[in-house]
């Protein structure tokens, strides 16, 4: 099980990997706690001269699952609420599959 700080380090490592492709300084801008983990919004730091934050394409938030350590880069083309609902359905399917397998194993001699 991950802590928020461990999840933050995972996201920062992903952001660091992208730094070579972007001329701006990147950082985590906001963190939203979820029932199963966190959503890390990230982007460019404000420009000192203009005071504006440069707009980036493809910087959908990172979803980090606290239970399994999964880090998922979300799409900017799909509403985040839909992606979260899809992920929650995935977690339910995985839990159901684990429970079914455990029941099957328990019945076998």
Protein backbone atom coordinates (compact mmCIF):
# COMPACT_ATOMS: atom_id res chain seq x y z
CA UNK A 1 0.00 0.00 0.00
CA UNK A 2 1.40 3.39 -1.02
CA UNK A 3 1.39 6.63 0.90
CA UNK A 4 0.63 9.89 -0.86
CA UNK A 5 4.31 10.84 -0.63
CA UNK A 6 5.37 7.58 -2.33
CA UNK A 7 2.76 8.16 -5.03
CA UNK A 8 4.06 11.72 -5.47
CA UNK A 9 7.59 10.35 -6.03
CA UNK A 10 6.27 7.99 -8.74
CA UNK A 11 4.59 10.89 -10.52
CA UNK A 12 7.64 13.14 -10.21
CA UNK A 13 9.77 10.38 -11.78
CA UNK A 14 7.36 10.26 -14.75
CA UNK A 15 7.46 14.04 -15.06
CA UNK A 16 11.26 13.98 -14.92
CA UNK A 17 11.27 11.56 -17.85
CA UNK A 18 9.32 14.12 -19.91
CA UNK A 19 11.52 17.10 -19.10
CA UNK A 20 13.78 16.48 -22.08
CA UNK A 21 10.81 16.85 -24.45
CA UNK A 22 9.52 20.15 -23.04
CA UNK A 23 11.25 23.50 -22.71
CA UNK A 24 9.28 24.48 -19.59
CA UNK A 25 9.80 23.60 -15.95
CA UNK A 26 7.19 21.00 -14.97
CA UNK A 27 5.66 20.34 -11.57
CA UNK A 28 2.68 18.84 -9.77
CA UNK A 29 0.05 21.56 -9.56
CA UNK A 30 -2.67 19.89 -7.51
CA UNK A 31 -3.49 16.56 -5.87
CA UNK A 32 -7.00 15.17 -5.50
CA UNK A 33 -7.56 12.33 -3.02
CA UNK A 34 -9.77 9.49 -4.24
CA UNK A 35 -11.19 6.46 -2.46
CA UNK A 36 -8.59 4.22 -4.12
CA UNK A 37 -5.65 6.61 -4.55
CA UNK A 38 -4.82 10.04 -5.90
CA UNK A 39 -5.12 12.12 -9.02
CA UNK A 40 -2.05 14.28 -9.66
CA UNK A 41 -2.58 17.26 -11.93
CA UNK A 42 0.63 18.58 -13.42
CA UNK A 43 1.85 21.19 -15.84
CA UNK A 44 4.31 23.93 -16.56
CA UNK A 45 5.41 26.44 -13.94
CA UNK A 46 4.31 30.04 -14.47
CA UNK A 47 6.58 32.10 -16.68
CA UNK A 48 8.44 34.73 -14.63
CA UNK A 49 8.13 37.39 -17.32
CA UNK A 50 4.51 36.98 -18.37
CA UNK A 51 3.12 35.53 -15.13
CA UNK A 52 1.18 33.02 -17.22
CA UNK A 53 1.40 29.28 -17.14
CA UNK A 54 2.36 27.89 -20.57
CA UNK A 55 -0.31 25.57 -21.93
CA UNK A 56 0.77 22.01 -22.63
CA UNK A 57 -0.94 19.41 -24.75
CA UNK A 58 -1.32 15.87 -23.49
CA UNK A 59 -0.78 16.62 -19.82
CA UNK A 60 -3.72 14.70 -18.41
CA UNK A 61 -3.47 13.97 -14.70
CA UNK A 62 -1.75 10.86 -13.36
CA UNK A 63 -3.87 8.39 -11.47
CA UNK A 64 -2.03 6.42 -8.76
CA UNK A 65 -3.70 3.47 -7.08
CA UNK A 66 -2.67 3.19 -3.42
CA UNK A 67 -3.36 -0.55 -3.19
CA UNK A 68 -1.37 -1.86 -6.15
CA UNK A 69 0.96 1.06 -6.96
CA UNK A 70 -0.42 1.32 -10.48
CA UNK A 71 0.38 4.64 -12.17
CA UNK A 72 -1.89 5.55 -15.07
CA UNK A 73 -1.48 8.55 -17.33
CA UNK A 74 -4.98 9.72 -18.18
CA UNK A 75 -6.01 11.02 -21.58
CA UNK A 76 -6.81 14.67 -22.16
CA UNK A 77 -9.37 13.74 -24.83
CA UNK A 78 -11.71 11.90 -22.44
CA UNK A 79 -13.40 13.54 -19.43
CA UNK A 80 -11.59 12.60 -16.24
CA UNK A 81 -14.86 11.60 -14.53
CA UNK A 82 -15.41 8.96 -17.22
CA UNK A 83 -11.85 7.65 -16.89
CA UNK A 84 -12.23 7.38 -13.11
CA UNK A 85 -15.53 5.52 -13.49
CA UNK A 86 -13.89 3.15 -16.00
CA UNK A 87 -11.01 2.51 -13.59
CA UNK A 88 -13.39 1.85 -10.69
CA UNK A 89 -15.22 -0.71 -12.88
CA UNK A 90 -11.86 -2.31 -13.67
CA UNK A 91 -11.07 -2.58 -9.95
CA UNK A 92 -14.45 -4.24 -9.29
CA UNK A 93 -13.90 -6.74 -12.13
CA UNK A 94 -10.42 -7.57 -10.82
CA UNK A 95 -11.75 -8.05 -7.28
CA UNK A 96 -14.55 -10.27 -8.57
CA UNK A 97 -12.06 -12.38 -10.55
CA UNK A 98 -9.83 -12.77 -7.47
CA UNK A 99 -12.80 -13.77 -5.30
CA UNK A 100 -14.02 -16.28 -7.89
CA UNK A 101 -10.55 -17.83 -8.16
CA UNK A 102 -10.25 -18.05 -4.37
CA UNK A 103 -13.63 -19.79 -4.12
CA UNK A 104 -12.66 -22.22 -6.88
CA UNK A 105 -9.35 -22.98 -5.16
CA UNK A 106 -11.09 -23.51 -1.81
CA UNK A 107 -13.44 -26.13 -3.33
CA UNK A 108 -10.65 -28.14 -4.90
CA UNK A 109 -9.21 -30.94 -2.72
